[in-house]
Amino acid sequence: MTEPVHPTHPVPGPHRPGQAPERPAKQTPLEQMGGTTGLVYMMLPIVAFVLANASLGLTAAICTAVGVALAISALRLVRKEPLQPAFSGLFGVAVASFVAWKTGSAKGFFLTGIWSNLALGVLFLLSVLVRRPLAGIVWGALNGTGTAWLKDKPSLRYYDIATLTLVGVFAVRVAVWQWLYDDDRTGWLAVARIAMGYPLLALALLVVLWAGRRSARRLTALAGQQPPSDDVRPLRQDSHLVDHSSTPGQAGDRIRPEGIAPGRRSSR
């Protein structure tokens, strides 16, 4: 009677019985921001504003930018894509357009970007000074890891580096954009806004990702270490405590009470 042949290949299905399902791969910083499509969506309202302002004037430019942002949101809704980036972009375009309308200048469209990056830079720098780097706090909130890393000095140092990297990004943006704003270079402001927007932020997020992974490896290694209990103490091997007079080869030495000399018995 032949024995049944057991399959050598894994059992088909989502996962084997008793085995945890595979976790989906984590998204890269670029994927979290919508990928290359998200970059295009971010650029379109800005480009439309600059082109319309050059040919039709400020009011037409404001209407064009808001209209393009609304069209992008509708397109994402039809294609069942995540709406949060679209709504964030629409809100940003609406606020920037309002500021441009109030100031009566096309360069006012980029003023909110300068203000927001200045505020973020100051906030992130203060978080490092008070030993609560925001890069780690935000990363822990997004990944559900919490703030256990605050008690680990190397992890705190990793997130300090990541937070200061973001501070550098905000500072460079403010310096360049403010210089172009003061020189009334609206076209170059649009170019700088696009070039120093998501691409520069993605590079900074790579540092945040590095810090998160380094910290996670450290915390996992520390969690795997079992510290000795307080009530378990190592056996003292002092010569006056251990009696080596037992026959060689026997398991263990006889432990003699402290204070009793060899060859004497305690009197009772």
Protein backbone atom coordinates (compact mmCIF):
# COMPACT_ATOMS: atom_id res chain seq x y z
CA MET A 1 0.00 0.00 0.00
CA THR A 2 1.58 3.25 -1.06
CA GLU A 3 1.86 6.17 1.32
CA PRO A 4 0.06 9.38 0.37
CA VAL A 5 2.23 11.94 -1.28
CA HIS A 6 2.37 15.20 0.66
CA PRO A 7 2.49 18.38 -1.41
CA THR A 8 5.80 20.21 -1.31
CA HIS A 9 4.31 23.54 -2.29
CA PRO A 10 2.57 25.88 0.14
CA VAL A 11 -1.14 25.50 0.64
CA PRO A 12 -2.93 27.94 -1.66
CA GLY A 13 -4.92 30.72 -0.09
CA PRO A 14 -4.27 33.99 1.70
CA HIS A 15 -2.18 32.29 4.37
CA ARG A 16 -1.61 28.88 5.93
CA PRO A 17 -3.66 27.75 8.92
CA GLY A 18 -1.97 28.86 12.11
CA GLN A 19 0.25 31.32 10.30
CA ALA A 20 -0.20 35.07 10.52
CA PRO A 21 -1.06 36.74 7.21
CA GLU A 22 1.68 38.68 5.54
CA ARG A 23 1.69 42.38 6.29
CA PRO A 24 1.48 44.75 3.35
CA ALA A 25 4.69 46.55 2.48
CA LYS A 26 5.04 50.02 3.92
CA GLN A 27 4.60 52.86 1.51
CA THR A 28 7.50 55.06 0.58
CA PRO A 29 7.33 58.79 1.38
CA LEU A 30 6.56 59.53 -2.28
CA GLU A 31 3.70 56.99 -2.29
CA GLN A 32 2.26 58.45 0.91
CA MET A 33 2.09 61.83 -0.80
CA GLY A 34 0.22 60.43 -3.80
CA GLY A 35 3.15 59.32 -5.97
CA THR A 36 4.05 61.09 -9.19
CA THR A 37 0.35 61.76 -9.81
CA GLY A 38 0.16 63.69 -6.56
CA LEU A 39 3.13 65.80 -7.63
CA VAL A 40 1.38 66.66 -10.89
CA TYR A 41 -1.83 67.53 -9.06
CA MET A 42 0.14 69.82 -6.74
CA MET A 43 1.79 71.65 -9.65
CA LEU A 44 -1.25 72.21 -11.86
CA PRO A 45 -3.05 74.94 -9.82
CA ILE A 46 0.22 76.86 -9.40
CA VAL A 47 1.09 76.71 -13.08
CA ALA A 48 -2.47 77.66 -14.03
CA PHE A 49 -2.36 80.66 -11.68
CA VAL A 50 0.91 81.99 -13.10
CA LEU A 51 -0.12 81.53 -16.75
CA ALA A 52 -3.56 83.07 -16.23
CA ASN A 53 -2.11 86.00 -14.31
CA ALA A 54 0.37 86.77 -17.09
CA SER A 55 -2.31 86.87 -19.78
CA LEU A 56 -5.65 87.58 -18.09
CA GLY A 57 -4.89 89.35 -14.81
CA LEU A 58 -5.12 88.58 -11.11
CA THR A 59 -8.87 87.94 -10.83
CA ALA A 60 -8.85 85.48 -13.72
CA ALA A 61 -5.77 83.80 -12.28
CA ILE A 62 -7.49 83.28 -8.92
CA CYS A 63 -10.59 81.81 -10.58
CA THR A 64 -8.45 79.58 -12.79
CA ALA A 65 -6.40 78.20 -9.89
CA VAL A 66 -9.47 77.45 -7.80
CA GLY A 67 -11.24 75.90 -10.81
CA VAL A 68 -8.28 73.59 -11.52
CA ALA A 69 -8.15 72.52 -7.86
CA LEU A 70 -11.88 71.73 -7.93
CA ALA A 71 -11.46 69.75 -11.15
CA ILE A 72 -8.65 67.70 -9.57
CA SER A 73 -10.83 66.92 -6.55
CA ALA A 74 -13.69 65.83 -8.81
CA LEU A 75 -11.33 63.66 -10.85
CA ARG A 76 -10.03 61.95 -7.72
CA LEU A 77 -13.61 61.36 -6.60
CA VAL A 78 -14.56 59.76 -9.93
CA ARG A 79 -11.43 57.59 -9.96
CA LYS A 80 -12.01 56.60 -6.31
CA GLU A 81 -8.58 57.85 -5.29
CA PRO A 82 -7.78 59.13 -1.77
CA LEU A 83 -9.48 62.49 -1.34
CA GLN A 84 -7.44 63.82 1.57
CA PRO A 85 -4.55 65.10 -0.63
CA ALA A 86 -7.05 66.65 -3.03
CA PHE A 87 -8.97 68.43 -0.27
CA SER A 88 -5.74 69.63 1.32
CA GLY A 89 -4.59 71.02 -2.01
CA LEU A 90 -7.96 72.66 -2.63
CA PHE A 91 -7.90 74.29 0.80
CA GLY A 92 -4.35 75.54 0.26
CA VAL A 93 -5.21 77.02 -3.14
CA ALA A 94 -8.32 78.68 -1.74
CA VAL A 95 -6.41 80.31 1.13
CA ALA A 96 -3.56 81.41 -1.16
CA SER A 97 -6.05 82.88 -3.63
CA PHE A 98 -7.81 84.75 -0.85
CA VAL A 99 -4.52 86.29 0.33
CA ALA A 100 -3.63 87.26 -3.25
CA TRP A 101 -7.04 88.90 -3.64
CA LYS A 102 -6.69 90.81 -0.34
CA THR A 103 -3.17 92.03 -1.11
CA GLY A 104 -4.05 92.85 -4.70
CA SER A 105 -0.82 91.28 -5.94
CA ALA A 106 -0.11 87.98 -7.68
CA LYS A 107 2.89 87.31 -5.47
CA GLY A 108 0.52 87.24 -2.49
CA PHE A 109 -0.55 83.82 -3.78
CA PHE A 110 2.74 82.47 -2.38
CA LEU A 111 2.70 84.39 0.88
CA THR A 112 0.91 81.67 2.85
CA GLY A 113 3.64 79.21 1.91
CA ILE A 114 6.26 81.48 3.44
CA TRP A 115 4.25 81.97 6.61
CA SER A 116 3.44 78.29 7.09
CA ASN A 117 7.03 77.14 6.57
CA LEU A 118 8.29 79.78 9.00
CA ALA A 119 5.82 78.61 11.65
CA LEU A 120 6.66 74.95 11.07
CA GLY A 121 10.39 75.62 11.26
CA VAL A 122 10.06 77.41 14.60
CA LEU A 123 7.74 74.71 15.98
CA PHE A 124 10.00 71.81 14.99
CA LEU A 125 13.09 73.59 16.33
CA LEU A 126 11.41 74.20 19.68
CA SER A 127 10.42 70.53 19.87
CA VAL A 128 14.11 69.57 19.69
CA LEU A 129 15.04 72.08 22.38
CA VAL A 130 12.44 70.68 24.79
CA ARG A 131 13.54 67.09 23.99
CA ARG A 132 10.30 66.15 22.24
CA PRO A 133 11.31 66.02 18.54
CA LEU A 134 8.17 66.27 16.46
CA ALA A 135 9.48 63.98 13.74
CA GLY A 136 9.40 61.07 16.20
CA ILE A 137 6.06 62.04 17.71
CA VAL A 138 4.37 62.30 14.31
CA TRP A 139 6.03 59.10 13.09
CA GLY A 140 4.92 57.22 16.20
CA ALA A 141 1.35 58.49 15.82
CA LEU A 142 1.18 57.44 12.16
CA ASN A 143 2.67 53.98 12.76
CA GLY A 144 1.07 53.27 16.13
CA THR A 145 4.44 52.87 17.90
CA GLY A 146 3.74 55.54 20.49
CA THR A 147 6.46 57.43 22.35
CA ALA A 148 8.42 54.63 24.03
CA TRP A 149 11.49 55.84 22.13
CA LEU A 150 11.63 58.95 24.34
CA LYS A 151 13.25 56.83 27.08
CA ASP A 152 15.99 55.60 24.75
CA LYS A 153 18.79 58.14 24.21
CA PRO A 154 20.01 56.79 20.84
CA SER A 155 16.44 56.77 19.50
CA LEU A 156 15.97 60.31 20.76
CA ARG A 157 19.13 61.30 18.92
CA TYR A 158 17.90 59.70 15.68
CA TYR A 159 14.68 61.69 15.79
CA ASP A 160 16.58 64.86 16.69
CA ILE A 161 18.50 64.47 13.44
CA ALA A 162 15.31 63.86 11.47
CA THR A 163 13.55 66.85 13.04
CA LEU A 164 16.50 69.15 12.40
CA THR A 165 16.54 67.97 8.79
CA LEU A 166 12.94 69.12 8.44
CA VAL A 167 13.87 72.41 10.12
CA GLY A 168 16.55 72.86 7.45
CA VAL A 169 13.98 72.24 4.69
CA PHE A 170 11.61 74.83 6.14
CA ALA A 171 14.42 77.35 6.61
CA VAL A 172 15.70 76.99 3.03
CA ARG A 173 12.19 77.42 1.67
CA VAL A 174 11.57 80.59 3.68
CA ALA A 175 14.93 82.10 2.68
CA VAL A 176 14.54 81.45 -1.05
CA TRP A 177 10.83 82.23 -1.31
CA GLN A 178 11.12 85.44 0.73
CA TRP A 179 14.00 86.64 -1.45
CA LEU A 180 11.97 86.04 -4.62
CA TYR A 181 8.91 87.63 -3.02
CA ASP A 182 10.81 90.80 -2.15
CA ASP A 183 12.12 91.02 -5.73
CA ASP A 184 8.60 90.64 -7.20
CA ARG A 185 9.60 87.55 -9.20
CA THR A 186 6.24 85.81 -9.34
CA GLY A 187 7.24 83.40 -12.12
CA TRP A 188 10.34 82.25 -10.28
CA LEU A 189 8.29 81.97 -7.11
CA ALA A 190 6.12 79.41 -8.87
CA VAL A 191 9.18 77.49 -10.05
CA ALA A 192 10.72 77.53 -6.57
CA ARG A 193 7.40 76.52 -4.98
CA ILE A 194 7.21 73.44 -7.22
CA ALA A 195 10.89 72.47 -7.05
CA MET A 196 11.14 72.92 -3.28
CA GLY A 197 7.73 71.47 -2.48
CA TYR A 198 7.16 67.71 -2.41
CA PRO A 199 10.54 66.73 -3.92
CA LEU A 200 12.50 68.44 -1.15
CA LEU A 201 10.07 67.18 1.49
CA ALA A 202 10.44 63.62 0.19
CA LEU A 203 14.20 63.79 0.73
CA ALA A 204 13.65 64.94 4.31
CA LEU A 205 11.13 62.15 4.90
CA LEU A 206 13.79 59.64 3.92
CA VAL A 207 15.75 60.80 6.96
CA VAL A 208 12.63 60.40 9.10
CA LEU A 209 12.21 56.88 7.71
CA TRP A 210 15.84 56.09 8.56
CA ALA A 211 15.36 57.34 12.12
CA GLY A 212 12.15 55.34 12.55
CA ARG A 213 13.75 52.10 11.39
CA ARG A 214 16.87 52.55 13.51
CA SER A 215 14.76 53.30 16.57
CA ALA A 216 12.45 50.33 15.91
CA ARG A 217 15.42 47.95 15.71
CA ARG A 218 16.82 49.26 18.98
CA LEU A 219 13.51 49.02 20.83
CA THR A 220 12.95 45.50 19.52
CA ALA A 221 16.40 44.43 20.69
CA LEU A 222 15.89 45.99 24.10
CA ALA A 223 12.48 44.35 24.47
CA GLY A 224 14.05 40.94 23.79
CA GLN A 225 16.49 41.28 26.68
CA GLN A 226 15.21 39.74 29.94
CA PRO A 227 16.77 41.48 32.96
CA PRO A 228 17.55 39.20 35.95
CA SER A 229 15.05 39.21 38.78
CA ASP A 230 16.00 40.98 42.00
CA ASP A 231 15.36 37.92 44.14
CA VAL A 232 17.65 35.69 42.06
CA ARG A 233 21.28 36.20 43.03
CA PRO A 234 24.32 34.42 41.60
CA LEU A 235 25.89 31.70 43.73
CA ARG A 236 28.97 32.92 45.53
CA GLN A 237 31.97 30.77 44.76
CA ASP A 238 34.18 32.06 47.57
CA SER A 239 36.70 29.54 48.83
CA HIS A 240 35.44 29.79 52.42
CA LEU A 241 31.84 29.07 51.38
CA VAL A 242 32.20 26.12 49.00
CA ASP A 243 33.41 22.75 50.24
CA HIS A 244 35.38 21.03 47.49
CA SER A 245 35.96 17.88 49.54
CA SER A 246 33.30 15.95 47.62
CA THR A 247 34.40 13.24 45.31
CA PRO A 248 35.43 14.53 41.89
CA GLY A 249 32.82 13.88 39.27
CA GLN A 250 29.87 14.30 41.59
CA ALA A 251 27.32 16.83 40.51
CA GLY A 252 27.95 20.10 42.33
CA ASP A 253 29.86 21.10 45.45
CA ARG A 254 28.54 21.08 48.92
CA ILE A 255 27.61 24.50 50.19
CA ARG A 256 28.80 25.15 53.71
CA PRO A 257 27.13 27.72 55.95
CA GLU A 258 29.12 30.88 56.32
CA GLY A 259 31.29 31.08 59.45
CA ILE A 260 31.81 27.31 59.94
CA ALA A 261 35.36 26.06 59.35
CA PRO A 262 36.05 22.87 57.38
CA GLY A 263 35.81 19.66 59.31
CA ARG A 264 33.63 21.13 62.07
CA ARG A 265 29.98 20.59 62.66
CA SER A 266 27.68 23.19 64.05
CA SER A 267 26.72 22.45 67.62
CA ARG A 268 23.13 22.59 68.61
